[in-house]
Protein backbone atom coordinates (compact mmCIF):
# COMPACT_ATOMS: atom_id res chain seq x y z
CA MET A 1 111.11 72.55 105.52
CA THR A 2 114.63 71.07 105.75
CA ALA A 3 117.71 72.65 107.26
CA ASN A 4 120.35 74.07 104.97
CA PRO A 5 123.33 71.66 105.21
CA SER A 6 125.78 74.57 104.80
CA THR A 7 124.34 76.42 107.81
CA PRO A 8 125.95 75.37 111.11
CA PRO A 9 123.48 74.37 113.83
CA PRO A 10 122.89 76.90 116.63
CA CYS A 11 124.43 76.57 120.08
CA SER A 12 121.87 75.43 122.66
CA SER A 13 123.14 78.08 125.06
CA CYS A 14 123.75 81.28 123.10
CA GLY A 15 122.32 80.55 119.64
CA LYS A 16 125.57 81.27 117.81
CA PRO A 17 126.68 78.73 115.18
CA LYS A 18 128.41 75.66 116.61
CA PRO A 19 130.47 72.93 114.98
CA VAL A 20 128.45 69.99 113.66
CA GLY A 21 128.50 67.22 116.26
CA ALA A 22 129.41 69.57 119.13
CA TYR A 23 127.11 70.14 122.09
CA LEU A 24 127.81 73.88 122.28
CA CYS A 25 129.77 76.58 120.45
CA ARG A 26 133.44 76.80 121.39
CA GLU A 27 132.98 79.87 123.60
CA CYS A 28 130.17 78.27 125.62
CA TRP A 29 131.99 74.92 125.75
CA TRP A 30 135.07 76.48 127.37
CA THR A 31 132.85 78.28 129.91
CA LEU A 32 131.69 74.92 131.32
CA PRO A 33 133.70 73.61 134.31
CA ALA A 34 136.60 71.35 133.30
CA ARG A 35 135.01 68.39 135.12
CA THR A 36 131.75 68.88 133.20
CA ARG A 37 133.58 69.06 129.86
CA SER A 38 135.52 65.92 130.73
CA ARG A 39 132.36 64.02 131.61
CA LEU A 40 130.54 65.21 128.47
CA ASN A 41 133.46 63.95 126.35
CA ARG A 42 133.06 60.39 127.66
CA ARG A 43 131.38 57.92 125.30
CA ASP A 44 129.87 55.25 127.53
CA ASP A 45 126.48 53.99 128.75
CA LEU A 46 125.84 57.26 130.62
CA ALA A 47 126.63 59.60 127.71
CA MET A 48 122.98 60.26 126.85
CA ARG A 49 122.18 60.88 130.55
CA ARG A 50 124.94 63.49 130.73
CA LEU A 51 123.68 65.17 127.57
CA ALA A 52 120.17 65.23 129.05
CA ASP A 53 121.62 66.79 132.23
CA LEU A 54 123.29 69.49 130.12
CA HIS A 55 120.08 70.28 128.23
CA ALA A 56 118.02 70.33 131.44
CA ALA A 57 120.46 72.78 133.03
CA LEU A 58 120.37 74.99 129.93
CA GLN A 59 116.56 74.98 129.92
CA LYS A 60 116.54 76.04 133.60
CA GLY A 61 118.85 78.93 132.74
CA THR A 62 121.74 77.63 134.84
CA ALA A 63 124.91 79.66 134.29
CA LEU A 64 127.35 77.66 132.17
CA HIS A 65 130.13 77.86 134.76
CA LYS A 66 127.82 76.19 137.30
CA ILE A 67 126.56 73.26 135.19
CA GLN A 68 127.36 69.80 136.49
CA VAL A 69 126.41 66.52 134.85
CA THR A 70 126.12 62.86 135.88
CA GLN A 71 129.39 61.05 136.44
């Protein structure tokens, strides 16, 4: 079964629709600490590590305002 291209993907945190290419929905994104958002916006050799940190924190149930990722 394939995904419907007109259906936005769900947010990894709350399950609400999120923009294509975004890590989280806008509401959840702005709940992250500013430093975490800044680091997640970087596109460098550590980008995948930071994304993995985000997903690991979400799986543990860490509150969004407490999530920190690799520098």
